[in-house]
Amino acid sequence: MEEAVERCSAMLEYMARGILRDEEAVEDCLARVWLRAVERQEDYDPGRGAVSTWLAQLCRSTALDLLRERRRKGALAAETLGEELADSAPGPEEELLRAERARRLRAALDRLGEADRRLFYRKYYYLQSTAQLAAELGTTERAVEGRLYRIKKKLRAQLGGDEL
């Protein structure tokens, strides 16, 4: 697992930097991802995807957790933190619906072509900007936006109009 983390370190750093935009937070995130990957390596299921995908998911959730943590520290008083978290916690029905929507979205994404699927993930999962995508693809931002619009339209049609 340590070797896989090393192989994916540039991708993980790029992803964390895109979410956190702070060098110290990025380093903290990568350290936490490395630790979680080693501690949870038995949770990795090769049947569900590549190790790089699993590590990317760990990195994304860790970075978002750190971002929420930083925002909470700066914006909330300690006594209101527990109340806000309790109020925002989803119930079992909501969790079940969310899991079903996620499963349906993954299935719809699997039916897309490879290029469209990669673009969708880079924009909405790895949180790359349209400008970054356009530069890397050698096209204009408008072209990327148009392509993303068509991808989302295909996905909505497959999902029966559900919001993405």
N, C-alpha and C. Protein backbone atom coordinates (compact mmCIF):
# COMPACT_ATOMS: atom_id res chain seq x y z
N MET A 1 0.84 -1.20 0.00
CA MET A 1 0.00 0.00 0.00
C MET A 1 0.88 1.25 0.00
N GLU A 2 1.98 1.20 0.74
CA GLU A 2 2.87 2.36 0.79
C GLU A 2 3.39 2.70 -0.60
N GLU A 3 3.69 1.65 -1.37
CA GLU A 3 4.19 1.85 -2.74
C GLU A 3 3.12 2.53 -3.61
N ALA A 4 1.87 2.11 -3.44
CA ALA A 4 0.77 2.71 -4.21
C ALA A 4 0.59 4.17 -3.86
N VAL A 5 0.70 4.50 -2.58
CA VAL A 5 0.58 5.90 -2.16
C VAL A 5 1.71 6.72 -2.79
N GLU A 6 2.92 6.17 -2.79
CA GLU A 6 4.06 6.88 -3.40
C GLU A 6 3.82 7.09 -4.90
N ARG A 7 3.31 6.05 -5.58
CA ARG A 7 3.06 6.16 -7.02
C ARG A 7 2.03 7.23 -7.33
N CYS A 8 1.05 7.39 -6.45
CA CYS A 8 -0.06 8.32 -6.67
C CYS A 8 0.15 9.66 -5.98
N SER A 9 1.31 9.88 -5.39
CA SER A 9 1.50 11.06 -4.55
C SER A 9 1.29 12.37 -5.31
N ALA A 10 1.73 12.45 -6.55
CA ALA A 10 1.55 13.69 -7.32
C ALA A 10 0.07 13.97 -7.56
N MET A 11 -0.68 12.94 -7.92
CA MET A 11 -2.12 13.11 -8.14
C MET A 11 -2.81 13.52 -6.85
N LEU A 12 -2.45 12.87 -5.75
CA LEU A 12 -3.08 13.17 -4.46
C LEU A 12 -2.76 14.60 -4.02
N GLU A 13 -1.51 15.01 -4.23
CA GLU A 13 -1.12 16.38 -3.87
C GLU A 13 -1.88 17.39 -4.73
N TYR A 14 -2.01 17.11 -6.01
CA TYR A 14 -2.74 18.00 -6.91
C TYR A 14 -4.20 18.14 -6.47
N MET A 15 -4.80 17.01 -6.10
CA MET A 15 -6.19 17.02 -5.67
C MET A 15 -6.35 17.79 -4.36
N ALA A 16 -5.49 17.52 -3.40
CA ALA A 16 -5.57 18.20 -2.10
C ALA A 16 -5.35 19.70 -2.26
N ARG A 17 -4.40 20.07 -3.11
CA ARG A 17 -4.12 21.49 -3.33
C ARG A 17 -5.31 22.19 -3.98
N GLY A 18 -6.00 21.51 -4.87
CA GLY A 18 -7.18 22.09 -5.52
C GLY A 18 -8.31 22.36 -4.55
N ILE A 19 -8.41 21.56 -3.50
CA ILE A 19 -9.48 21.73 -2.52
C ILE A 19 -9.06 22.69 -1.41
N LEU A 20 -7.85 22.51 -0.89
CA LEU A 20 -7.43 23.25 0.31
C LEU A 20 -6.74 24.58 0.03
N ARG A 21 -5.96 24.65 -1.04
CA ARG A 21 -5.26 25.88 -1.44
C ARG A 21 -4.39 26.49 -0.34
N ASP A 22 -3.84 25.65 0.51
CA ASP A 22 -2.96 26.10 1.58
C ASP A 22 -1.89 25.02 1.78
N GLU A 23 -0.63 25.40 1.66
CA GLU A 23 0.47 24.43 1.67
C GLU A 23 0.50 23.59 2.95
N GLU A 24 0.32 24.24 4.09
CA GLU A 24 0.35 23.51 5.36
C GLU A 24 -0.80 22.51 5.45
N ALA A 25 -1.98 22.93 5.01
CA ALA A 25 -3.14 22.04 5.03
C ALA A 25 -2.95 20.88 4.05
N VAL A 26 -2.34 21.15 2.90
CA VAL A 26 -2.08 20.09 1.92
C VAL A 26 -1.15 19.04 2.52
N GLU A 27 -0.09 19.49 3.18
CA GLU A 27 0.84 18.55 3.81
C GLU A 27 0.15 17.73 4.90
N ASP A 28 -0.69 18.38 5.69
CA ASP A 28 -1.45 17.69 6.73
C ASP A 28 -2.38 16.65 6.10
N CYS A 29 -3.04 17.04 5.04
CA CYS A 29 -3.96 16.14 4.33
C CYS A 29 -3.22 14.91 3.81
N LEU A 30 -2.09 15.12 3.14
CA LEU A 30 -1.35 14.00 2.57
C LEU A 30 -0.84 13.05 3.66
N ALA A 31 -0.43 13.61 4.79
CA ALA A 31 0.02 12.77 5.90
C ALA A 31 -1.14 11.92 6.42
N ARG A 32 -2.31 12.54 6.54
CA ARG A 32 -3.49 11.80 7.01
C ARG A 32 -3.90 10.72 6.01
N VAL A 33 -3.83 11.04 4.72
CA VAL A 33 -4.18 10.06 3.69
C VAL A 33 -3.23 8.87 3.76
N TRP A 34 -1.93 9.14 3.88
CA TRP A 34 -0.95 8.07 3.95
C TRP A 34 -1.24 7.18 5.15
N LEU A 35 -1.51 7.79 6.31
CA LEU A 35 -1.80 7.04 7.52
C LEU A 35 -3.08 6.21 7.37
N ARG A 36 -4.14 6.84 6.84
CA ARG A 36 -5.40 6.12 6.65
C ARG A 36 -5.25 4.97 5.66
N ALA A 37 -4.49 5.20 4.60
CA ALA A 37 -4.29 4.15 3.59
C ALA A 37 -3.61 2.94 4.21
N VAL A 38 -2.60 3.19 5.04
CA VAL A 38 -1.89 2.08 5.68
C VAL A 38 -2.79 1.39 6.70
N GLU A 39 -3.51 2.20 7.50
CA GLU A 39 -4.38 1.63 8.53
C GLU A 39 -5.57 0.87 7.94
N ARG A 40 -6.07 1.34 6.81
CA ARG A 40 -7.30 0.77 6.23
C ARG A 40 -7.05 -0.04 4.97
N GLN A 41 -5.84 -0.49 4.76
CA GLN A 41 -5.56 -1.19 3.50
C GLN A 41 -6.43 -2.43 3.31
N GLU A 42 -6.90 -3.03 4.40
CA GLU A 42 -7.78 -4.19 4.25
C GLU A 42 -9.16 -3.79 3.74
N ASP A 43 -9.50 -2.49 3.82
CA ASP A 43 -10.78 -2.01 3.30
C ASP A 43 -10.77 -1.90 1.77
N TYR A 44 -9.58 -1.85 1.18
CA TYR A 44 -9.49 -1.72 -0.27
C TYR A 44 -9.97 -3.01 -0.93
N ASP A 45 -10.90 -2.86 -1.88
CA ASP A 45 -11.47 -3.99 -2.61
C ASP A 45 -11.13 -3.83 -4.09
N PRO A 46 -10.19 -4.62 -4.61
CA PRO A 46 -9.81 -4.49 -6.02
C PRO A 46 -10.98 -4.67 -6.98
N GLY A 47 -12.01 -5.37 -6.54
CA GLY A 47 -13.18 -5.57 -7.38
C GLY A 47 -13.99 -4.30 -7.61
N ARG A 48 -13.79 -3.31 -6.75
CA ARG A 48 -14.56 -2.06 -6.87
C ARG A 48 -13.80 -0.97 -7.62
N GLY A 49 -12.53 -1.21 -7.97
CA GLY A 49 -11.79 -0.21 -8.72
C GLY A 49 -10.30 -0.27 -8.40
N ALA A 50 -9.57 0.56 -9.12
CA ALA A 50 -8.12 0.62 -8.96
C ALA A 50 -7.74 1.23 -7.61
N VAL A 51 -6.56 0.89 -7.15
CA VAL A 51 -6.08 1.44 -5.88
C VAL A 51 -5.97 2.96 -5.97
N SER A 52 -5.64 3.47 -7.14
CA SER A 52 -5.53 4.93 -7.30
C SER A 52 -6.89 5.60 -7.09
N THR A 53 -7.96 4.95 -7.50
CA THR A 53 -9.31 5.48 -7.29
C THR A 53 -9.64 5.49 -5.81
N TRP A 54 -9.30 4.42 -5.12
CA TRP A 54 -9.54 4.33 -3.68
C TRP A 54 -8.75 5.41 -2.94
N LEU A 55 -7.49 5.58 -3.32
CA LEU A 55 -6.66 6.61 -2.69
C LEU A 55 -7.19 8.01 -3.00
N ALA A 56 -7.65 8.22 -4.22
CA ALA A 56 -8.22 9.53 -4.58
C ALA A 56 -9.45 9.82 -3.74
N GLN A 57 -10.28 8.81 -3.51
CA GLN A 57 -11.47 9.00 -2.68
C GLN A 57 -11.06 9.31 -1.24
N LEU A 58 -10.07 8.60 -0.72
CA LEU A 58 -9.56 8.89 0.62
C LEU A 58 -9.04 10.33 0.70
N CYS A 59 -8.29 10.73 -0.31
CA CYS A 59 -7.72 12.08 -0.33
C CYS A 59 -8.81 13.14 -0.39
N ARG A 60 -9.77 12.93 -1.25
CA ARG A 60 -10.85 13.91 -1.40
C ARG A 60 -11.63 14.06 -0.10
N SER A 61 -12.00 12.95 0.51
CA SER A 61 -12.79 13.04 1.75
C SER A 61 -11.95 13.63 2.88
N THR A 62 -10.67 13.31 2.93
CA THR A 62 -9.79 13.88 3.96
C THR A 62 -9.64 15.38 3.75
N ALA A 63 -9.44 15.80 2.51
CA ALA A 63 -9.29 17.23 2.23
C ALA A 63 -10.57 18.00 2.56
N LEU A 64 -11.71 17.43 2.20
CA LEU A 64 -12.97 18.10 2.51
C LEU A 64 -13.22 18.15 4.02
N ASP A 65 -12.83 17.08 4.73
CA ASP A 65 -12.93 17.10 6.20
C ASP A 65 -12.07 18.20 6.79
N LEU A 66 -10.84 18.33 6.28
CA LEU A 66 -9.95 19.39 6.77
C LEU A 66 -10.51 20.77 6.46
N LEU A 67 -11.08 20.92 5.28
CA LEU A 67 -11.66 22.20 4.90
C LEU A 67 -12.82 22.56 5.83
N ARG A 68 -13.68 21.60 6.09
CA ARG A 68 -14.80 21.85 7.02
C ARG A 68 -14.27 22.17 8.42
N GLU A 69 -13.26 21.44 8.83
CA GLU A 69 -12.65 21.66 10.15
C GLU A 69 -12.09 23.08 10.25
N ARG A 70 -11.39 23.51 9.22
CA ARG A 70 -10.82 24.87 9.22
C ARG A 70 -11.92 25.92 9.25
N ARG A 71 -12.98 25.70 8.48
CA ARG A 71 -14.07 26.67 8.46
C ARG A 71 -14.79 26.73 9.80
N ARG A 72 -14.97 25.56 10.42
CA ARG A 72 -15.62 25.52 11.73
C ARG A 72 -14.82 26.28 12.76
N LYS A 73 -13.53 26.06 12.77
CA LYS A 73 -12.68 26.72 13.76
C LYS A 73 -12.75 28.23 13.61
N GLY A 74 -12.84 28.70 12.38
CA GLY A 74 -12.86 30.13 12.15
C GLY A 74 -14.23 30.76 12.28
N ALA A 75 -15.29 30.00 12.12
CA ALA A 75 -16.61 30.61 12.03
C ALA A 75 -17.59 30.25 13.14
N LEU A 76 -17.36 29.17 13.86
CA LEU A 76 -18.36 28.73 14.83
C LEU A 76 -17.83 28.80 16.25
N ALA A 77 -18.69 29.17 17.17
CA ALA A 77 -18.34 29.10 18.58
C ALA A 77 -18.42 27.65 19.01
N ALA A 78 -17.63 27.25 19.97
CA ALA A 78 -17.56 25.85 20.39
C ALA A 78 -18.91 25.31 20.84
N GLU A 79 -19.71 26.11 21.52
CA GLU A 79 -20.98 25.61 22.03
C GLU A 79 -22.02 25.38 20.94
N THR A 80 -21.93 26.06 19.81
CA THR A 80 -22.92 25.86 18.74
C THR A 80 -22.51 24.76 17.77
N LEU A 81 -21.26 24.36 17.84
CA LEU A 81 -20.77 23.35 16.90
C LEU A 81 -21.57 22.05 17.01
N GLY A 82 -21.75 21.54 18.21
CA GLY A 82 -22.49 20.29 18.39
C GLY A 82 -23.91 20.39 17.91
N GLU A 83 -24.57 21.52 18.18
CA GLU A 83 -25.95 21.71 17.75
C GLU A 83 -26.06 21.69 16.23
N GLU A 84 -25.16 22.40 15.57
CA GLU A 84 -25.22 22.47 14.10
C GLU A 84 -24.95 21.11 13.48
N LEU A 85 -24.01 20.37 14.03
CA LEU A 85 -23.72 19.05 13.48
C LEU A 85 -24.90 18.10 13.69
N ALA A 86 -25.53 18.17 14.84
CA ALA A 86 -26.68 17.30 15.12
C ALA A 86 -27.84 17.65 14.19
N ASP A 87 -28.08 18.94 13.97
CA ASP A 87 -29.17 19.37 13.10
C ASP A 87 -28.94 18.96 11.65
N SER A 88 -27.68 18.93 11.23
CA SER A 88 -27.39 18.66 9.83
C SER A 88 -27.16 17.18 9.55
N ALA A 89 -27.11 16.36 10.58
CA ALA A 89 -26.86 14.93 10.38
C ALA A 89 -28.03 14.28 9.65
N PRO A 90 -27.75 13.58 8.55
CA PRO A 90 -28.83 12.93 7.81
C PRO A 90 -29.38 11.72 8.56
N GLY A 91 -30.67 11.48 8.38
CA GLY A 91 -31.32 10.32 8.99
C GLY A 91 -31.08 9.08 8.16
N PRO A 92 -31.51 7.92 8.64
CA PRO A 92 -31.29 6.66 7.92
C PRO A 92 -31.94 6.64 6.54
N GLU A 93 -33.15 7.20 6.43
CA GLU A 93 -33.82 7.22 5.12
C GLU A 93 -33.04 8.06 4.13
N GLU A 94 -32.59 9.23 4.59
CA GLU A 94 -31.82 10.12 3.72
C GLU A 94 -30.51 9.46 3.29
N GLU A 95 -29.86 8.76 4.21
CA GLU A 95 -28.62 8.05 3.87
C GLU A 95 -28.88 6.97 2.82
N LEU A 96 -29.97 6.24 2.98
CA LEU A 96 -30.32 5.19 2.03
C LEU A 96 -30.60 5.78 0.64
N LEU A 97 -31.35 6.88 0.59
CA LEU A 97 -31.63 7.54 -0.68
C LEU A 97 -30.35 8.06 -1.33
N ARG A 98 -29.48 8.65 -0.51
CA ARG A 98 -28.21 9.18 -1.02
C ARG A 98 -27.36 8.04 -1.59
N ALA A 99 -27.31 6.91 -0.90
CA ALA A 99 -26.53 5.77 -1.38
C ALA A 99 -27.09 5.23 -2.69
N GLU A 100 -28.42 5.18 -2.80
CA GLU A 100 -29.05 4.71 -4.03
C GLU A 100 -28.77 5.66 -5.20
N ARG A 101 -28.86 6.97 -4.94
CA ARG A 101 -28.55 7.96 -6.00
C ARG A 101 -27.09 7.82 -6.44
N ALA A 102 -26.19 7.63 -5.48
CA ALA A 102 -24.77 7.48 -5.81
C ALA A 102 -24.54 6.22 -6.65
N ARG A 103 -25.21 5.13 -6.29
CA ARG A 103 -25.07 3.89 -7.06
C ARG A 103 -25.56 4.08 -8.49
N ARG A 104 -26.71 4.73 -8.64
CA ARG A 104 -27.27 4.97 -9.98
C ARG A 104 -26.36 5.89 -10.80
N LEU A 105 -25.79 6.91 -10.15
CA LEU A 105 -24.89 7.82 -10.85
C LEU A 105 -23.64 7.09 -11.31
N ARG A 106 -23.06 6.24 -10.44
CA ARG A 106 -21.87 5.48 -10.83
C ARG A 106 -22.17 4.58 -12.03
N ALA A 107 -23.34 3.95 -12.02
CA ALA A 107 -23.73 3.09 -13.15
C ALA A 107 -23.88 3.91 -14.43
N ALA A 108 -24.48 5.09 -14.32
CA ALA A 108 -24.64 5.96 -15.49
C ALA A 108 -23.29 6.44 -15.99
N LEU A 109 -22.39 6.77 -15.08
CA LEU A 109 -21.05 7.21 -15.48
C LEU A 109 -20.29 6.08 -16.18
N ASP A 110 -20.49 4.86 -15.72
CA ASP A 110 -19.83 3.71 -16.36
C ASP A 110 -20.30 3.51 -17.79
N ARG A 111 -21.50 3.98 -18.12
CA ARG A 111 -22.02 3.84 -19.48
C ARG A 111 -21.52 4.94 -20.42
N LEU A 112 -20.91 5.99 -19.87
CA LEU A 112 -20.35 7.05 -20.71
C LEU A 112 -19.08 6.56 -21.39
N GLY A 113 -18.68 7.25 -22.44
CA GLY A 113 -17.40 6.97 -23.05
C GLY A 113 -16.27 7.35 -22.10
N GLU A 114 -15.10 6.76 -22.30
CA GLU A 114 -13.96 6.99 -21.41
C GLU A 114 -13.61 8.47 -21.30
N ALA A 115 -13.54 9.19 -22.41
CA ALA A 115 -13.16 10.60 -22.39
C ALA A 115 -14.17 11.45 -21.62
N ASP A 116 -15.45 11.20 -21.84
CA ASP A 116 -16.49 11.95 -21.13
C ASP A 116 -16.46 11.65 -19.63
N ARG A 117 -16.28 10.38 -19.30
CA ARG A 117 -16.25 9.99 -17.89
C ARG A 117 -15.06 10.65 -17.18
N ARG A 118 -13.91 10.64 -17.83
CA ARG A 118 -12.72 11.27 -17.23
C ARG A 118 -12.92 12.76 -17.04
N LEU A 119 -13.51 13.43 -18.02
CA LEU A 119 -13.75 14.87 -17.91
C LEU A 119 -14.71 15.16 -16.77
N PHE A 120 -15.77 14.38 -16.66
CA PHE A 120 -16.75 14.57 -15.58
C PHE A 120 -16.09 14.41 -14.22
N TYR A 121 -15.32 13.34 -14.05
CA TYR A 121 -14.64 13.13 -12.77
C TYR A 121 -13.66 14.26 -12.47
N ARG A 122 -12.90 14.68 -13.45
CA ARG A 122 -11.91 15.74 -13.20
C ARG A 122 -12.58 17.03 -12.78
N LYS A 123 -13.74 17.34 -13.35
CA LYS A 123 -14.43 18.59 -13.01
C LYS A 123 -15.18 18.48 -11.69
N TYR A 124 -15.95 17.44 -11.51
CA TYR A 124 -16.87 17.38 -10.37
C TYR A 124 -16.39 16.52 -9.20
N TYR A 125 -15.41 15.68 -9.41
CA TYR A 125 -14.91 14.86 -8.32
C TYR A 125 -13.56 15.37 -7.85
N TYR A 126 -12.67 15.66 -8.81
CA TYR A 126 -11.34 16.17 -8.45
C TYR A 126 -11.33 17.69 -8.35
N LEU A 127 -12.46 18.32 -8.70
CA LEU A 127 -12.67 19.76 -8.54
C LEU A 127 -11.68 20.62 -9.32
N GLN A 128 -11.32 20.17 -10.52
CA GLN A 128 -10.46 20.98 -11.37
C GLN A 128 -11.29 22.09 -11.99
N SER A 129 -10.69 23.25 -12.17
CA SER A 129 -11.41 24.37 -12.76
C SER A 129 -11.56 24.16 -14.26
N THR A 130 -12.53 24.85 -14.83
CA THR A 130 -12.75 24.77 -16.27
C THR A 130 -11.52 25.28 -17.01
N ALA A 131 -10.88 26.32 -16.48
CA ALA A 131 -9.67 26.86 -17.11
C ALA A 131 -8.55 25.81 -17.12
N GLN A 132 -8.37 25.09 -16.01
CA GLN A 132 -7.35 24.04 -15.96
C GLN A 132 -7.64 22.95 -16.98
N LEU A 133 -8.89 22.53 -17.04
CA LEU A 133 -9.27 21.48 -17.98
C LEU A 133 -9.05 21.92 -19.42
N ALA A 134 -9.45 23.15 -19.72
CA ALA A 134 -9.28 23.66 -21.09
C ALA A 134 -7.80 23.69 -21.47
N ALA A 135 -6.97 24.17 -20.55
CA ALA A 135 -5.53 24.25 -20.84
C ALA A 135 -4.94 22.85 -21.07
N GLU A 136 -5.32 21.91 -20.23
CA GLU A 136 -4.78 20.55 -20.35
C GLU A 136 -5.30 19.83 -21.59
N LEU A 137 -6.53 20.16 -22.01
CA LEU A 137 -7.11 19.51 -23.18
C LEU A 137 -6.79 20.25 -24.47
N GLY A 138 -6.17 21.43 -24.35
CA GLY A 138 -5.82 22.20 -25.53
C GLY A 138 -7.03 22.77 -26.25
N THR A 139 -8.01 23.23 -25.49
CA THR A 139 -9.23 23.78 -26.07
C THR A 139 -9.65 25.01 -25.27
N THR A 140 -10.80 25.56 -25.59
CA THR A 140 -11.28 26.75 -24.89
C THR A 140 -12.16 26.36 -23.70
N GLU A 141 -12.34 27.30 -22.79
CA GLU A 141 -13.21 27.07 -21.65
C GLU A 141 -14.65 26.84 -22.11
N ARG A 142 -15.07 27.60 -23.13
CA ARG A 142 -16.44 27.43 -23.65
C ARG A 142 -16.65 26.02 -24.20
N ALA A 143 -15.63 25.50 -24.87
CA ALA A 143 -15.75 24.14 -25.41
C ALA A 143 -15.87 23.12 -24.28
N VAL A 144 -15.10 23.30 -23.21
CA VAL A 144 -15.18 22.41 -22.06
C VAL A 144 -16.55 22.52 -21.40
N GLU A 145 -17.04 23.75 -21.22
CA GLU A 145 -18.36 23.96 -20.62
C GLU A 145 -19.45 23.30 -21.46
N GLY A 146 -19.35 23.43 -22.78
CA GLY A 146 -20.33 22.81 -23.66
C GLY A 146 -20.30 21.29 -23.56
N ARG A 147 -19.10 20.76 -23.51
CA ARG A 147 -18.97 19.30 -23.39
C ARG A 147 -19.53 18.81 -22.05
N LEU A 148 -19.24 19.54 -20.98
CA LEU A 148 -19.77 19.18 -19.66
C LEU A 148 -21.29 19.26 -19.64
N TYR A 149 -21.84 20.27 -20.31
CA TYR A 149 -23.29 20.41 -20.40
C TYR A 149 -23.90 19.18 -21.07
N ARG A 150 -23.29 18.75 -22.19
CA ARG A 150 -23.81 17.58 -22.91
C ARG A 150 -23.66 16.30 -22.08
N ILE A 151 -22.57 16.19 -21.35
CA ILE A 151 -22.37 15.02 -20.48
C ILE A 151 -23.46 14.98 -19.42
N LYS A 152 -23.70 16.12 -18.77
CA LYS A 152 -24.73 16.16 -17.72
C LYS A 152 -26.11 15.87 -18.30
N LYS A 153 -26.35 16.34 -19.52
CA LYS A 153 -27.63 16.08 -20.18
C LYS A 153 -27.81 14.57 -20.41
N LYS A 154 -26.75 13.90 -20.87
CA LYS A 154 -26.80 12.44 -21.05
C LYS A 154 -27.08 11.74 -19.73
N LEU A 155 -26.38 12.18 -18.68
CA LEU A 155 -26.54 11.55 -17.37
C LEU A 155 -27.97 11.74 -16.85
N ARG A 156 -28.50 12.96 -17.00
CA ARG A 156 -29.87 13.21 -16.54
C ARG A 156 -30.86 12.32 -17.27
N ALA A 157 -30.64 12.14 -18.58
CA ALA A 157 -31.53 11.28 -19.36
C ALA A 157 -31.46 9.84 -18.85
N GLN A 158 -30.27 9.37 -18.53
CA GLN A 158 -30.11 8.01 -18.01
C GLN A 158 -30.70 7.86 -16.62
N LEU A 159 -30.66 8.95 -15.84
CA LEU A 159 -31.14 8.90 -14.45
C LEU A 159 -32.61 9.28 -14.34
N GLY A 160 -33.26 9.52 -15.44
CA GLY A 160 -34.68 9.86 -15.40
C GLY A 160 -34.95 11.26 -14.90
N GLY A 161 -34.04 12.19 -15.18
CA GLY A 161 -34.26 13.58 -14.79
C GLY A 161 -33.78 13.95 -13.41
N ASP A 162 -33.23 12.99 -12.64
CA ASP A 162 -32.71 13.31 -11.30
C ASP A 162 -31.62 14.37 -11.41
N GLU A 163 -31.56 15.23 -10.42
CA GLU A 163 -30.51 16.24 -10.38
C GLU A 163 -29.17 15.57 -10.11
N LEU A 164 -28.12 16.15 -10.67
CA LEU A 164 -26.77 15.62 -10.45
C LEU A 164 -26.17 16.29 -9.25
